[in-house]
Amino acid sequence: MMPQLLTVRVDRPQGRAIRVWIPLLPVALVLAPLLIAAALAGGVACLVYRVRVVPAFGVGWRLLCALPGTRVAIREGHTAVLASIR
């Protein structure tokens, strides 16, 4: 299943935490022209480096589908950022 929601929380030392929910499907639809260009560039790169194109795109799709449940936490000084993909 493709990821549906990206949740970002920024904990700041001087106040309340900031939370942002980003729905990924509308973002993907808006960025579709860039995604098509990136797919074409990936296909050309596969041909240049002699990698089979269809299995390479299959691996990319499986990586995308494995993203739900991923959590990334970064702490620098008194500021912390947590990104969670659902």
N, C-alpha and C. Protein backbone atom coordinates (compact mmCIF):
# COMPACT_ATOMS: atom_id res chain seq x y z
N MET A 1 0.84 -1.17 0.00
CA MET A 1 0.00 0.00 0.00
C MET A 1 0.89 1.25 0.00
N MET A 2 0.55 2.20 -0.81
CA MET A 2 1.31 3.43 -0.92
C MET A 2 1.12 4.29 0.34
N PRO A 3 2.16 5.01 0.78
CA PRO A 3 2.01 5.88 1.96
C PRO A 3 0.92 6.93 1.72
N GLN A 4 0.17 7.25 2.76
CA GLN A 4 -0.94 8.17 2.64
C GLN A 4 -0.71 9.51 3.33
N LEU A 5 0.04 9.52 4.44
CA LEU A 5 0.14 10.72 5.26
C LEU A 5 1.54 10.86 5.84
N LEU A 6 2.07 12.06 5.77
CA LEU A 6 3.35 12.39 6.39
C LEU A 6 3.06 13.34 7.54
N THR A 7 3.48 12.96 8.74
CA THR A 7 3.29 13.79 9.92
C THR A 7 4.65 14.29 10.37
N VAL A 8 4.78 15.61 10.52
CA VAL A 8 6.03 16.21 10.96
C VAL A 8 5.76 16.99 12.24
N ARG A 9 6.57 16.75 13.27
CA ARG A 9 6.46 17.48 14.52
C ARG A 9 7.81 18.10 14.85
N VAL A 10 7.81 19.39 15.12
CA VAL A 10 9.03 20.11 15.48
C VAL A 10 8.86 20.60 16.91
N ASP A 11 9.71 20.10 17.82
CA ASP A 11 9.72 20.55 19.21
C ASP A 11 10.73 21.68 19.35
N ARG A 12 10.25 22.83 19.78
CA ARG A 12 11.12 23.99 19.93
C ARG A 12 11.34 24.28 21.41
N PRO A 13 12.50 24.82 21.75
CA PRO A 13 12.77 25.08 23.17
C PRO A 13 11.92 26.22 23.72
N GLN A 14 11.52 27.17 22.90
CA GLN A 14 10.80 28.34 23.39
C GLN A 14 9.33 28.32 23.00
N GLY A 15 8.62 27.29 23.40
CA GLY A 15 7.20 27.30 23.10
C GLY A 15 6.65 25.95 22.73
N ARG A 16 5.47 26.02 22.11
CA ARG A 16 4.75 24.80 21.77
C ARG A 16 5.37 24.13 20.55
N ALA A 17 5.09 22.86 20.46
CA ALA A 17 5.55 22.08 19.30
C ALA A 17 4.69 22.44 18.08
N ILE A 18 5.29 22.37 16.92
CA ILE A 18 4.59 22.60 15.67
C ILE A 18 4.32 21.25 15.03
N ARG A 19 3.06 21.01 14.64
CA ARG A 19 2.71 19.76 13.96
C ARG A 19 2.12 20.08 12.61
N VAL A 20 2.54 19.31 11.61
CA VAL A 20 2.05 19.48 10.24
C VAL A 20 1.69 18.11 9.69
N TRP A 21 0.48 17.99 9.12
CA TRP A 21 0.05 16.76 8.48
C TRP A 21 -0.01 17.03 6.99
N ILE A 22 0.69 16.20 6.21
CA ILE A 22 0.76 16.39 4.76
C ILE A 22 0.19 15.15 4.08
N PRO A 23 -0.97 15.29 3.39
CA PRO A 23 -1.49 14.15 2.64
C PRO A 23 -0.65 13.94 1.38
N LEU A 24 -0.16 12.74 1.17
CA LEU A 24 0.81 12.49 0.10
C LEU A 24 0.19 12.31 -1.28
N LEU A 25 -1.04 11.84 -1.38
CA LEU A 25 -1.64 11.65 -2.69
C LEU A 25 -1.85 12.97 -3.44
N PRO A 26 -2.42 14.02 -2.82
CA PRO A 26 -2.53 15.29 -3.54
C PRO A 26 -1.17 15.89 -3.90
N VAL A 27 -0.19 15.71 -3.04
CA VAL A 27 1.16 16.21 -3.35
C VAL A 27 1.72 15.47 -4.56
N ALA A 28 1.52 14.16 -4.62
CA ALA A 28 1.99 13.38 -5.76
C ALA A 28 1.28 13.79 -7.04
N LEU A 29 -0.01 14.10 -6.96
CA LEU A 29 -0.74 14.54 -8.15
C LEU A 29 -0.24 15.89 -8.65
N VAL A 30 0.05 16.80 -7.73
CA VAL A 30 0.56 18.12 -8.12
C VAL A 30 1.95 17.99 -8.73
N LEU A 31 2.76 17.11 -8.18
CA LEU A 31 4.14 16.93 -8.65
C LEU A 31 4.26 15.87 -9.74
N ALA A 32 3.14 15.42 -10.31
CA ALA A 32 3.16 14.36 -11.32
C ALA A 32 4.06 14.67 -12.51
N PRO A 33 4.07 15.90 -13.05
CA PRO A 33 5.00 16.16 -14.17
C PRO A 33 6.47 15.93 -13.78
N LEU A 34 6.83 16.32 -12.57
CA LEU A 34 8.21 16.09 -12.11
C LEU A 34 8.47 14.60 -11.89
N LEU A 35 7.46 13.88 -11.41
CA LEU A 35 7.63 12.44 -11.21
C LEU A 35 7.81 11.72 -12.53
N ILE A 36 7.09 12.16 -13.56
CA ILE A 36 7.24 11.55 -14.89
C ILE A 36 8.65 11.82 -15.42
N ALA A 37 9.12 13.06 -15.26
CA ALA A 37 10.48 13.39 -15.71
C ALA A 37 11.52 12.59 -14.94
N ALA A 38 11.31 12.40 -13.63
CA ALA A 38 12.24 11.61 -12.83
C ALA A 38 12.23 10.14 -13.26
N ALA A 39 11.06 9.62 -13.62
CA ALA A 39 10.98 8.23 -14.09
C ALA A 39 11.72 8.07 -15.42
N LEU A 40 11.56 9.04 -16.31
CA LEU A 40 12.28 8.98 -17.59
C LEU A 40 13.79 9.06 -17.37
N ALA A 41 14.22 9.96 -16.48
CA ALA A 41 15.65 10.07 -16.18
C ALA A 41 16.17 8.79 -15.54
N GLY A 42 15.36 8.16 -14.68
CA GLY A 42 15.76 6.89 -14.10
C GLY A 42 15.88 5.79 -15.14
N GLY A 43 14.97 5.78 -16.10
CA GLY A 43 15.05 4.80 -17.19
C GLY A 43 16.30 4.99 -18.03
N VAL A 44 16.63 6.24 -18.34
CA VAL A 44 17.85 6.52 -19.10
C VAL A 44 19.08 6.11 -18.30
N ALA A 45 19.08 6.41 -17.00
CA ALA A 45 20.22 6.02 -16.15
C ALA A 45 20.37 4.50 -16.11
N CYS A 46 19.25 3.78 -16.08
CA CYS A 46 19.32 2.31 -16.11
C CYS A 46 19.95 1.82 -17.40
N LEU A 47 19.57 2.44 -18.51
CA LEU A 47 20.14 2.03 -19.79
C LEU A 47 21.63 2.37 -19.87
N VAL A 48 22.03 3.52 -19.34
CA VAL A 48 23.44 3.92 -19.38
C VAL A 48 24.29 2.97 -18.54
N TYR A 49 23.80 2.60 -17.36
CA TYR A 49 24.57 1.74 -16.46
C TYR A 49 24.26 0.25 -16.64
N ARG A 50 23.51 -0.07 -17.69
CA ARG A 50 23.19 -1.46 -18.06
C ARG A 50 22.50 -2.22 -16.94
N VAL A 51 21.50 -1.57 -16.37
CA VAL A 51 20.64 -2.18 -15.36
C VAL A 51 19.30 -2.42 -16.03
N ARG A 52 18.69 -3.56 -15.78
CA ARG A 52 17.40 -3.85 -16.39
C ARG A 52 16.34 -2.89 -15.82
N VAL A 53 15.60 -2.26 -16.71
CA VAL A 53 14.69 -1.17 -16.33
C VAL A 53 13.49 -1.67 -15.52
N VAL A 54 12.81 -2.70 -15.98
CA VAL A 54 11.59 -3.16 -15.32
C VAL A 54 11.86 -3.64 -13.89
N PRO A 55 12.88 -4.49 -13.66
CA PRO A 55 13.15 -4.87 -12.26
C PRO A 55 13.57 -3.68 -11.39
N ALA A 56 14.27 -2.72 -11.97
CA ALA A 56 14.68 -1.54 -11.20
C ALA A 56 13.47 -0.74 -10.75
N PHE A 57 12.50 -0.53 -11.65
CA PHE A 57 11.29 0.19 -11.26
C PHE A 57 10.45 -0.64 -10.28
N GLY A 58 10.49 -1.95 -10.41
CA GLY A 58 9.79 -2.81 -9.45
C GLY A 58 10.35 -2.68 -8.05
N VAL A 59 11.67 -2.61 -7.96
CA VAL A 59 12.31 -2.42 -6.65
C VAL A 59 11.95 -1.05 -6.08
N GLY A 60 11.93 -0.03 -6.94
CA GLY A 60 11.54 1.31 -6.47
C GLY A 60 10.12 1.34 -5.95
N TRP A 61 9.20 0.65 -6.64
CA TRP A 61 7.82 0.60 -6.19
C TRP A 61 7.70 -0.13 -4.85
N ARG A 62 8.44 -1.24 -4.70
CA ARG A 62 8.40 -1.97 -3.43
C ARG A 62 8.97 -1.14 -2.30
N LEU A 63 10.00 -0.36 -2.58
CA LEU A 63 10.55 0.56 -1.57
C LEU A 63 9.51 1.59 -1.15
N LEU A 64 8.80 2.16 -2.11
CA LEU A 64 7.76 3.14 -1.83
C LEU A 64 6.66 2.52 -0.98
N CYS A 65 6.27 1.30 -1.30
CA CYS A 65 5.21 0.64 -0.56
C CYS A 65 5.65 0.20 0.84
N ALA A 66 6.94 0.11 1.08
CA ALA A 66 7.45 -0.28 2.40
C ALA A 66 7.61 0.91 3.34
N LEU A 67 7.37 2.12 2.86
CA LEU A 67 7.57 3.31 3.69
C LEU A 67 6.59 3.47 4.85
N PRO A 68 5.31 3.07 4.75
CA PRO A 68 4.42 3.27 5.90
C PRO A 68 4.98 2.62 7.16
N GLY A 69 4.93 3.37 8.24
CA GLY A 69 5.48 2.90 9.50
C GLY A 69 6.88 3.43 9.77
N THR A 70 7.47 4.12 8.82
CA THR A 70 8.81 4.66 8.99
C THR A 70 8.76 5.90 9.87
N ARG A 71 9.69 5.97 10.82
CA ARG A 71 9.80 7.14 11.70
C ARG A 71 11.24 7.63 11.66
N VAL A 72 11.41 8.92 11.49
CA VAL A 72 12.73 9.53 11.47
C VAL A 72 12.75 10.60 12.55
N ALA A 73 13.68 10.48 13.49
CA ALA A 73 13.79 11.45 14.58
C ALA A 73 15.18 12.09 14.53
N ILE A 74 15.20 13.42 14.58
CA ILE A 74 16.46 14.17 14.55
C ILE A 74 16.45 15.14 15.72
N ARG A 75 17.53 15.14 16.48
CA ARG A 75 17.65 16.07 17.60
C ARG A 75 18.96 16.83 17.45
N GLU A 76 18.87 18.14 17.43
CA GLU A 76 20.05 19.01 17.34
C GLU A 76 19.89 20.10 18.38
N GLY A 77 20.71 20.05 19.40
CA GLY A 77 20.60 21.04 20.48
C GLY A 77 19.29 20.86 21.22
N HIS A 78 18.53 21.96 21.29
CA HIS A 78 17.25 21.92 22.00
C HIS A 78 16.07 21.71 21.06
N THR A 79 16.32 21.54 19.79
CA THR A 79 15.26 21.37 18.80
C THR A 79 15.23 19.91 18.34
N ALA A 80 14.02 19.36 18.23
CA ALA A 80 13.85 17.99 17.78
C ALA A 80 12.81 17.96 16.66
N VAL A 81 13.06 17.12 15.66
CA VAL A 81 12.13 16.94 14.54
C VAL A 81 11.80 15.46 14.44
N LEU A 82 10.51 15.15 14.38
CA LEU A 82 10.06 13.77 14.21
C LEU A 82 9.19 13.72 12.96
N ALA A 83 9.55 12.86 12.00
CA ALA A 83 8.76 12.66 10.79
C ALA A 83 8.27 11.22 10.79
N SER A 84 6.97 11.05 10.58
CA SER A 84 6.37 9.73 10.59
C SER A 84 5.54 9.56 9.33
N ILE A 85 5.70 8.42 8.66
CA ILE A 85 4.95 8.14 7.43
C ILE A 85 3.94 7.06 7.71
N ARG A 86 2.69 7.32 7.35
CA ARG A 86 1.62 6.33 7.56
C ARG A 86 1.01 5.93 6.25
